Amino acid sequence: MQSSKNVSLRRRLGRALLSPFLKSKDGTAAIEFGIVAIPFFMFLMGIMEMSILFFGGVALENGMVEAARQVRTGQLQFGGGGANQFRDVVCDSIDAFMSCDPSELYIDVRTFDDFGNVNFEDPLEDDDLGDDLQFDPGQGGDVILVRVFYTWDILTPLIGELFVNTGGEYRLVSSAMAFRNEPF
């Protein structure tokens, strides 16, 4: 009988000690926010990174179009600037979103006999950009393929892994255009 009184006394004492904590609602919002905050902010960061990546892709496209226009009209060939001038024109469009570092921005300009021979071969070799990128803007009347690639480092953990399109930790953003040079 003595032991049941002790158990009952312990229960009442335990309830008396814990009751302020069991009845109190202070801090529940902070705890709930702490549980939800990390996934929420990771998701928000992923949305912002993908938005910047989208705008960077549009800027890359616009820069490539402007530089390709100089090839198509012969300004680049007669100006003597070559690949560096082409890169500078692209860089003027992308500098708000992307770096012009040659280890991130790759340019491939090739000449073909006609549009049937244009080959959009995959530039990736073993998940790295191949070493066979060229710069040949051609002469008047040549068919030209211009491709520009940018390796965008994905920063957002977990969510960013969904947007990686190479074996590495980056997304390859690309832009391409095929055209015939004007007769110059």
Protein backbone atom coordinates (compact mmCIF):
# COMPACT_ATOMS: atom_id res chain seq x y z
CA MET A 1 0.00 0.00 0.00
CA GLN A 2 2.88 2.23 0.80
CA SER A 3 4.27 1.91 -2.70
CA SER A 4 0.99 2.96 -4.37
CA LYS A 5 0.95 6.10 -2.23
CA ASN A 6 4.49 6.87 -3.37
CA VAL A 7 3.58 6.37 -7.02
CA SER A 8 0.50 8.58 -6.64
CA LEU A 9 2.54 11.23 -4.83
CA ARG A 10 5.22 11.12 -7.52
CA ARG A 11 2.63 11.54 -10.25
CA ARG A 12 1.04 14.53 -8.55
CA LEU A 13 4.44 16.05 -7.89
CA GLY A 14 5.50 15.44 -11.51
CA ARG A 15 2.30 17.01 -12.83
CA ALA A 16 2.72 19.99 -10.52
CA LEU A 17 6.27 20.53 -11.76
CA LEU A 18 5.45 20.03 -15.43
CA SER A 19 2.05 21.74 -15.55
CA PRO A 20 3.42 25.23 -16.21
CA PHE A 21 5.29 23.86 -19.21
CA LEU A 22 2.40 21.75 -20.49
CA LYS A 23 -0.11 24.62 -20.30
CA SER A 24 2.23 27.31 -21.61
CA LYS A 25 1.93 28.21 -25.29
CA ASP A 26 4.83 30.69 -25.29
CA GLY A 27 7.43 29.94 -27.96
CA THR A 28 5.38 27.52 -30.06
CA ALA A 29 5.36 29.94 -32.98
CA ALA A 30 9.14 30.24 -32.78
CA ILE A 31 9.54 26.47 -32.74
CA GLU A 32 7.14 26.02 -35.66
CA PHE A 33 8.94 28.75 -37.61
CA GLY A 34 12.28 27.08 -36.85
CA ILE A 35 11.00 23.83 -38.33
CA VAL A 36 9.62 25.49 -41.48
CA ALA A 37 12.25 28.24 -41.95
CA ILE A 38 15.12 26.18 -43.37
CA PRO A 39 13.14 24.52 -46.19
CA PHE A 40 11.29 27.79 -46.88
CA PHE A 41 14.46 29.85 -47.25
CA MET A 42 16.18 27.14 -49.32
CA PHE A 43 13.19 27.08 -51.65
CA LEU A 44 13.13 30.90 -51.82
CA MET A 45 16.87 30.99 -52.55
CA GLY A 46 16.39 28.39 -55.30
CA ILE A 47 13.65 30.48 -56.91
CA MET A 48 15.85 33.58 -56.86
CA GLU A 49 18.82 31.68 -58.31
CA MET A 50 16.74 30.21 -61.13
CA SER A 51 15.32 33.68 -61.88
CA ILE A 52 18.81 35.14 -62.15
CA LEU A 53 19.85 32.15 -64.27
CA PHE A 54 16.89 32.79 -66.61
CA PHE A 55 17.78 36.47 -67.00
CA GLY A 56 21.42 35.51 -67.52
CA GLY A 57 20.37 33.10 -70.28
CA VAL A 58 18.39 35.83 -72.00
CA ALA A 59 21.36 38.21 -71.72
CA LEU A 60 23.64 35.51 -73.16
CA GLU A 61 21.24 35.05 -76.08
CA ASN A 62 21.13 38.79 -76.77
CA GLY A 63 24.91 39.12 -76.58
CA MET A 64 25.38 36.19 -78.94
CA VAL A 65 22.89 37.68 -81.43
CA GLU A 66 24.69 41.04 -81.40
CA ALA A 67 28.12 39.42 -81.85
CA ALA A 68 26.76 37.10 -84.59
CA ARG A 69 25.45 40.15 -86.42
CA GLN A 70 29.00 41.49 -86.61
CA VAL A 71 30.12 38.17 -88.11
CA ARG A 72 27.20 38.08 -90.57
CA THR A 73 27.86 41.61 -91.86
CA GLY A 74 31.64 41.17 -92.06
CA GLN A 75 32.41 43.85 -89.44
CA LEU A 76 34.30 41.34 -87.33
CA GLN A 77 36.33 39.93 -90.21
CA PHE A 78 37.36 43.36 -91.54
CA GLY A 79 37.78 44.91 -88.08
CA GLY A 80 40.54 42.41 -87.26
CA GLY A 81 39.30 41.86 -83.70
CA GLY A 82 38.62 38.15 -84.08
CA ALA A 83 37.60 36.04 -81.10
CA ASN A 84 38.50 38.75 -78.58
CA GLN A 85 36.19 41.29 -80.22
CA PHE A 86 33.42 38.67 -80.41
CA ARG A 87 33.90 37.90 -76.69
CA ASP A 88 33.83 41.61 -75.82
CA VAL A 89 30.49 42.10 -77.59
CA VAL A 90 28.99 39.12 -75.73
CA CYS A 91 30.49 40.31 -72.43
CA ASP A 92 28.90 43.75 -72.81
CA SER A 93 25.48 42.06 -72.66
CA ILE A 94 26.10 39.56 -69.87
CA ASP A 95 28.26 41.45 -67.39
CA ALA A 96 25.30 42.19 -65.09
CA PHE A 97 24.58 38.48 -64.55
CA MET A 98 27.63 36.49 -65.60
CA SER A 99 31.40 36.58 -65.63
CA CYS A 100 33.45 36.92 -68.80
CA ASP A 101 36.12 34.62 -67.43
CA PRO A 102 37.33 32.28 -70.24
CA SER A 103 36.94 29.35 -67.86
CA GLU A 104 33.17 30.04 -67.73
CA LEU A 105 32.32 31.62 -71.10
CA TYR A 106 33.07 29.51 -74.18
CA ILE A 107 32.66 30.52 -77.81
CA ASP A 108 32.41 28.23 -80.83
CA VAL A 109 32.13 29.70 -84.35
CA ARG A 110 32.34 27.30 -87.31
CA THR A 111 32.04 27.54 -91.08
CA PHE A 112 30.08 25.05 -93.23
CA ASP A 113 29.46 24.63 -96.96
CA ASP A 114 25.66 24.63 -96.67
CA PHE A 115 22.91 24.37 -94.08
CA GLY A 116 22.56 20.61 -94.61
CA ASN A 117 26.08 20.09 -93.26
CA VAL A 118 25.64 22.17 -90.08
CA ASN A 119 26.40 19.89 -87.16
CA PHE A 120 25.17 20.79 -83.69
CA GLU A 121 27.35 18.20 -81.99
CA ASP A 122 27.34 18.01 -78.21
CA PRO A 123 30.11 20.21 -76.82
CA LEU A 124 30.40 18.16 -73.63
CA GLU A 125 33.01 15.44 -73.40
CA ASP A 126 32.95 13.53 -70.13
CA ASP A 127 30.83 16.32 -68.60
CA ASP A 128 33.40 18.98 -69.52
CA LEU A 129 33.40 21.30 -72.48
CA GLY A 130 35.49 19.77 -75.22
CA ASP A 131 38.76 21.15 -76.47
CA ASP A 132 37.53 21.20 -80.05
CA LEU A 133 35.84 24.63 -79.88
CA GLN A 134 36.83 26.79 -82.84
CA PHE A 135 36.63 30.36 -84.05
CA ASP A 136 36.25 30.59 -87.83
CA PRO A 137 33.91 33.45 -88.87
CA GLY A 138 34.28 32.57 -92.57
CA GLN A 139 33.95 34.81 -95.63
CA GLY A 140 31.01 36.35 -97.47
CA GLY A 141 28.34 33.80 -98.39
CA ASP A 142 29.59 31.09 -95.97
CA VAL A 143 27.19 29.26 -93.66
CA ILE A 144 28.16 29.95 -90.05
CA LEU A 145 27.21 28.24 -86.81
CA VAL A 146 27.72 30.40 -83.72
CA ARG A 147 27.41 28.83 -80.30
CA VAL A 148 28.10 30.40 -76.92
CA PHE A 149 28.25 28.38 -73.70
CA TYR A 150 28.35 29.50 -70.09
CA THR A 151 28.99 27.27 -67.09
CA TRP A 152 26.75 28.54 -64.29
CA ASP A 153 27.72 27.33 -60.81
CA ILE A 154 24.60 26.25 -58.93
CA LEU A 155 24.73 27.56 -55.36
CA THR A 156 21.43 26.42 -53.87
CA PRO A 157 21.83 23.09 -52.06
CA LEU A 158 19.37 20.26 -52.75
CA ILE A 159 17.03 22.29 -54.99
CA GLY A 160 19.91 23.31 -57.25
CA GLU A 161 20.66 19.66 -57.94
CA LEU A 162 17.43 19.52 -59.94
CA PHE A 163 18.77 22.15 -62.35
CA VAL A 164 22.26 20.76 -62.96
CA ASN A 165 22.47 19.45 -66.55
CA THR A 166 26.05 18.18 -66.47
CA GLY A 167 27.90 15.67 -64.36
CA GLY A 168 29.54 18.50 -62.44
CA GLU A 169 27.96 21.03 -60.13
CA TYR A 170 26.99 23.51 -62.81
CA ARG A 171 24.38 24.16 -65.45
CA LEU A 172 25.50 24.63 -69.01
CA VAL A 173 23.64 27.63 -70.46
CA SER A 174 23.91 27.81 -74.24
CA SER A 175 22.81 29.83 -77.19
CA ALA A 176 23.19 28.95 -80.87
CA MET A 177 22.48 30.49 -84.25
CA ALA A 178 23.08 29.34 -87.82
CA PHE A 179 23.08 31.84 -90.68
CA ARG A 180 24.64 32.68 -94.04
CA ASN A 181 27.13 35.54 -94.11
CA GLU A 182 26.15 38.49 -96.27
CA PRO A 183 28.21 38.88 -99.43
CA PHE A 184 30.98 41.25 -98.38
